[in-house]
Amino acid sequence: MNKQPKLTLVGAGPGDPELITLKGVRVLKEADVVLYDALANEELLDYAENAEKIFVGKRRGMHKFIQDKIQDLIVEHALQGKHVVRLKGGDPFIFGRGSEELKYVIQKGIEIDIVSGVTSAIAAPASYGISLTQRGVNESFRVITGTRSDLKLSEDVEAAANSNVTIVVLMGMSKLEKIVNTFIAKGKTEVPVAIIENGTKKEERLAVGTISTILSIVNDKGLSNPSIIVIGETVKESANLYSQLLKQKGQVL
């Protein structure tokens, strides 16, 4: 007898497989089918011992499945009476299109559940002790996407450059030069910048500079996607912490 069709949207966390939630692990163990993204650590699939695993990752210039196809796959498997788990990197509601997929399957009469994930916007900077808020420095932070769905620079970057809050940019490495030029146009050349590549993973790397120097530093170190960009005074204020953590990780700036 078939089970009730069900989709559970699960946040896989920022990359370190230990940063998935306990609930996320339990749901993976219960899954019949797992559709997973490129940013979800494949080690997590070991929890889904009895499930069919389908890669549906989409990265810039390498779109294996378009969004409509992913949603059709979810519905196809769920309507066979299966528990489908959609495993997304980070948190599925932070630039993860999670709500789009849920709205689509609800229209098909499919039961849904949601398991939040640890977002890389916070976890990647934290892995090097970089605080996004700090008493006496700033009181808030802003998370924005560097690249819109049409691949243009987000208009939110200019708005962010007009503020004094900590800025966290996801999916922004391909637009780093434009982001830097936006801040330079505002006269903010000495604002501290940190870039964390592969945050929380074993191969993670850190680059620290200012708006005026970060492009050359990134070029010298060869940093690329997936990376998180952090812009703000809390980067400088966290120097003692990231210096200590770099030593413990056996890394140098």
Protein backbone atom coordinates (compact mmCIF):
# COMPACT_ATOMS: atom_id res chain seq x y z
CA MET A 1 0.00 0.00 0.00
CA ASN A 2 1.40 3.34 -1.04
CA LYS A 3 2.17 5.95 1.58
CA GLN A 4 0.80 9.48 1.55
CA PRO A 5 2.72 11.53 -1.06
CA LYS A 6 5.07 13.85 0.81
CA LEU A 7 7.85 16.35 0.17
CA THR A 8 10.23 17.42 2.92
CA LEU A 9 12.46 20.38 2.17
CA VAL A 10 15.73 19.97 4.11
CA GLY A 11 18.53 22.48 4.59
CA ALA A 12 21.84 20.64 4.25
CA GLY A 13 23.86 23.32 6.02
CA PRO A 14 26.92 25.24 4.78
CA GLY A 15 29.17 22.34 3.79
CA ASP A 16 30.50 20.67 6.93
CA PRO A 17 28.43 17.46 7.08
CA GLU A 18 28.21 17.77 10.88
CA LEU A 19 26.32 21.05 10.56
CA ILE A 20 23.09 19.47 9.39
CA THR A 21 20.36 19.34 12.04
CA LEU A 22 19.36 16.17 13.87
CA LYS A 23 15.92 16.48 12.32
CA GLY A 24 17.51 16.68 8.88
CA VAL A 25 19.39 13.44 9.52
CA ARG A 26 16.21 11.69 10.69
CA VAL A 27 14.29 12.78 7.60
CA LEU A 28 17.06 11.56 5.28
CA LYS A 29 16.90 8.16 6.94
CA GLU A 30 13.15 8.04 6.26
CA ALA A 31 13.38 9.16 2.62
CA ASP A 32 12.40 7.10 -0.41
CA VAL A 33 13.93 9.59 -2.86
CA VAL A 34 16.47 12.37 -2.32
CA LEU A 35 16.92 15.17 -4.84
CA TYR A 36 20.11 16.99 -3.90
CA ASP A 37 21.89 20.16 -4.99
CA ALA A 38 25.51 20.82 -5.94
CA LEU A 39 26.12 22.66 -2.65
CA ALA A 40 24.78 19.85 -0.46
CA ASN A 41 27.64 17.74 0.90
CA GLU A 42 27.32 14.30 -0.68
CA GLU A 43 28.45 12.66 2.58
CA LEU A 44 24.95 13.40 3.86
CA LEU A 45 23.53 10.94 1.35
CA ASP A 46 24.97 8.12 3.47
CA TYR A 47 22.11 8.73 5.91
CA ALA A 48 19.60 7.97 3.14
CA GLU A 49 20.55 4.30 2.93
CA ASN A 50 17.31 3.11 1.37
CA ALA A 51 16.60 6.06 -0.89
CA GLU A 52 17.08 6.68 -4.59
CA LYS A 53 19.50 9.62 -4.97
CA ILE A 54 19.07 12.06 -7.85
CA PHE A 55 21.49 14.93 -8.48
CA VAL A 56 19.69 18.10 -9.59
CA GLY A 57 22.47 20.61 -9.04
CA LYS A 58 22.55 23.94 -10.79
CA ARG A 59 25.67 26.08 -10.94
CA ARG A 60 26.52 29.04 -13.10
CA GLY A 61 26.97 27.82 -16.68
CA MET A 62 26.33 24.18 -15.65
CA HIS A 63 22.56 23.80 -15.30
CA LYS A 64 21.91 20.07 -15.26
CA PHE A 65 18.21 20.56 -14.56
CA ILE A 66 16.07 23.62 -15.03
CA GLN A 67 13.79 24.54 -12.13
CA ASP A 68 10.62 23.28 -13.84
CA LYS A 69 12.21 19.87 -14.36
CA ILE A 70 13.16 19.64 -10.68
CA GLN A 71 9.61 20.43 -9.63
CA ASP A 72 8.21 17.87 -12.05
CA LEU A 73 10.57 15.22 -10.63
CA ILE A 74 9.39 15.97 -7.10
CA VAL A 75 5.75 15.58 -8.11
CA GLU A 76 6.39 12.47 -10.22
CA HIS A 77 8.01 10.59 -7.34
CA ALA A 78 5.72 11.89 -4.62
CA LEU A 79 2.58 10.86 -6.51
CA GLN A 80 3.94 7.31 -6.55
CA GLY A 81 3.36 7.35 -2.80
CA LYS A 82 6.98 8.17 -1.95
CA HIS A 83 8.52 10.43 0.67
CA VAL A 84 10.65 12.82 -1.36
CA VAL A 85 13.40 14.80 0.34
CA ARG A 86 14.66 17.92 -1.41
CA LEU A 87 18.14 18.48 0.03
CA LYS A 88 19.41 22.02 -0.49
CA GLY A 89 22.72 23.58 0.56
CA GLY A 90 22.56 26.06 3.44
CA ASP A 91 19.01 27.03 4.30
CA PRO A 92 16.45 26.53 1.52
CA PHE A 93 14.75 29.85 2.21
CA ILE A 94 17.94 31.93 1.78
CA PHE A 95 18.21 32.32 -2.02
CA GLY A 96 17.36 28.63 -2.33
CA ARG A 97 14.04 28.84 -4.20
CA GLY A 98 12.55 26.60 -1.54
CA SER A 99 9.27 28.46 -1.38
CA GLU A 100 8.80 28.13 -5.15
CA GLU A 101 9.07 24.36 -4.98
CA LEU A 102 6.73 24.12 -2.01
CA LYS A 103 4.06 26.27 -3.66
CA TYR A 104 4.22 24.11 -6.76
CA VAL A 105 3.78 20.78 -4.98
CA ILE A 106 1.02 22.12 -2.72
CA GLN A 107 -0.99 22.78 -5.88
CA LYS A 108 -0.65 19.07 -6.66
CA GLY A 109 -2.15 18.08 -3.32
CA ILE A 110 1.13 16.85 -1.84
CA GLU A 111 1.86 17.04 1.89
CA ILE A 112 4.88 19.16 2.79
CA ASP A 113 7.30 19.62 5.68
CA ILE A 114 10.26 21.96 6.19
CA VAL A 115 13.55 21.41 8.01
CA SER A 116 15.61 24.57 8.32
CA GLY A 117 19.33 24.50 7.67
CA VAL A 118 22.35 26.44 8.93
CA THR A 119 22.96 29.18 6.37
CA SER A 120 26.43 29.72 4.97
CA ALA A 121 25.85 33.47 5.29
CA ILE A 122 26.47 33.11 9.02
CA ALA A 123 28.39 29.84 9.33
CA ALA A 124 31.16 30.58 6.81
CA PRO A 125 32.27 33.84 8.47
CA ALA A 126 31.85 32.23 11.90
CA SER A 127 34.25 29.44 10.93
CA TYR A 128 36.99 32.10 11.02
CA GLY A 129 35.59 34.01 13.98
CA ILE A 130 34.26 36.86 11.85
CA SER A 131 31.28 38.37 13.61
CA LEU A 132 28.51 39.98 11.60
CA THR A 133 27.41 42.18 14.48
CA GLN A 134 29.47 43.61 17.31
CA ARG A 135 28.60 45.95 20.13
CA GLY A 136 29.99 49.41 19.48
CA VAL A 137 30.79 48.60 15.84
CA ASN A 138 27.42 47.92 14.25
CA GLU A 139 24.06 46.54 15.26
CA SER A 140 22.84 44.74 12.16
CA PHE A 141 23.83 42.91 9.01
CA ARG A 142 22.38 42.50 5.56
CA VAL A 143 22.46 39.39 3.37
CA ILE A 144 22.16 39.98 -0.36
CA THR A 145 22.70 38.07 -3.57
CA GLY A 146 25.42 39.37 -5.84
CA THR A 147 23.83 37.97 -9.00
CA ARG A 148 20.19 38.14 -9.99
CA SER A 149 18.39 35.42 -11.95
CA ASP A 150 19.15 37.36 -15.16
CA LEU A 151 22.86 37.23 -14.19
CA LYS A 152 23.07 41.00 -13.68
CA LEU A 153 24.45 42.65 -10.54
CA SER A 154 21.79 42.97 -7.87
CA GLU A 155 20.53 46.51 -7.32
CA ASP A 156 20.73 45.79 -3.60
CA VAL A 157 24.53 46.10 -3.81
CA GLU A 158 24.32 49.85 -4.37
CA ALA A 159 21.80 50.23 -1.57
CA ALA A 160 24.09 48.24 0.71
CA ALA A 161 27.05 50.46 -0.21
CA ASN A 162 25.08 53.44 1.10
CA SER A 163 24.72 51.84 4.54
CA ASN A 164 27.09 51.16 7.42
CA VAL A 165 25.85 47.68 8.31
CA THR A 166 27.84 44.51 7.71
CA ILE A 167 27.15 43.22 4.21
CA VAL A 168 27.18 39.51 3.38
CA VAL A 169 27.10 38.74 -0.34
CA LEU A 170 26.18 35.27 -1.59
CA MET A 171 26.80 34.22 -5.20
CA GLY A 172 28.88 37.33 -5.74
CA MET A 173 32.34 36.21 -6.85
CA SER A 174 31.61 36.61 -10.56
CA LYS A 175 30.53 40.17 -9.80
CA LEU A 176 33.31 41.01 -7.31
CA GLU A 177 34.86 43.73 -9.48
CA LYS A 178 31.49 45.42 -9.96
CA ILE A 179 30.76 45.17 -6.24
CA VAL A 180 34.14 46.74 -5.43
CA ASN A 181 33.58 49.52 -7.96
CA THR A 182 30.18 50.26 -6.44
CA PHE A 183 31.80 50.83 -3.03
CA ILE A 184 34.66 52.85 -4.53
CA ALA A 185 32.10 55.12 -6.22
CA LYS A 186 30.75 55.84 -2.72
CA GLY A 187 34.25 56.73 -1.46
CA LYS A 188 34.44 53.61 0.71
CA THR A 189 37.84 52.35 -0.40
CA GLU A 190 39.13 51.36 3.05
CA VAL A 191 36.16 49.33 4.23
CA PRO A 192 37.42 45.88 5.38
CA VAL A 193 36.51 42.84 3.29
CA ALA A 194 36.77 39.10 3.96
CA ILE A 195 36.17 36.35 1.45
CA ILE A 196 35.65 32.77 2.63
CA GLU A 197 35.94 30.03 0.00
CA ASN A 198 34.33 26.65 0.75
CA GLY A 199 33.35 27.87 4.20
CA THR A 200 33.21 25.19 6.97
CA LYS A 201 34.69 22.51 4.67
CA LYS A 202 38.15 20.98 5.06
CA GLU A 203 39.37 22.90 2.02
CA GLU A 204 38.08 26.29 3.22
CA ARG A 205 40.28 29.36 2.66
CA LEU A 206 40.23 32.97 3.82
CA ALA A 207 41.30 36.22 2.18
CA VAL A 208 41.16 39.55 4.01
CA GLY A 209 41.74 43.04 2.65
CA THR A 210 39.89 46.26 1.94
CA ILE A 211 37.70 47.42 -0.91
CA SER A 212 40.80 48.88 -2.59
CA THR A 213 42.96 45.73 -2.23
CA ILE A 214 40.67 42.72 -2.25
CA LEU A 215 40.66 42.16 -6.02
CA SER A 216 44.43 41.76 -6.19
CA ILE A 217 44.43 39.54 -3.07
CA VAL A 218 41.77 37.26 -4.53
CA ASN A 219 43.69 37.07 -7.79
CA ASP A 220 46.93 36.21 -6.00
CA LYS A 221 45.27 33.48 -3.92
CA GLY A 222 43.16 32.17 -6.76
CA LEU A 223 39.90 32.17 -4.81
CA SER A 224 36.73 31.29 -6.67
CA ASN A 225 33.21 29.93 -6.12
CA PRO A 226 31.65 28.91 -3.84
CA SER A 227 32.63 31.87 -1.68
CA ILE A 228 31.02 34.27 0.77
CA ILE A 229 31.92 37.99 0.69
CA VAL A 230 31.76 39.93 3.96
CA ILE A 231 32.08 43.72 3.86
CA GLY A 232 32.20 45.84 7.01
CA GLU A 233 34.12 47.01 10.06
CA THR A 234 33.43 43.80 11.98
CA VAL A 235 35.96 42.09 9.69
CA LYS A 236 38.76 44.27 11.09
CA GLU A 237 37.45 43.92 14.63
CA SER A 238 37.59 40.12 14.28
CA ALA A 239 41.30 40.09 13.33
CA ASN A 240 42.50 38.52 16.59
CA LEU A 241 40.00 35.69 16.23
CA TYR A 242 40.65 34.84 12.60
CA SER A 243 44.41 35.09 13.16
CA GLN A 244 44.17 32.51 15.95
CA LEU A 245 41.87 30.24 13.95
CA LEU A 246 44.13 30.41 10.91
CA LYS A 247 47.01 29.14 13.07
CA GLN A 248 44.87 26.33 14.45
CA LYS A 249 43.84 25.32 10.93
CA GLY A 250 47.46 25.46 9.75
CA GLN A 251 46.68 28.28 7.29
CA VAL A 252 48.14 31.68 6.53
CA LEU A 253 46.58 34.77 5.02
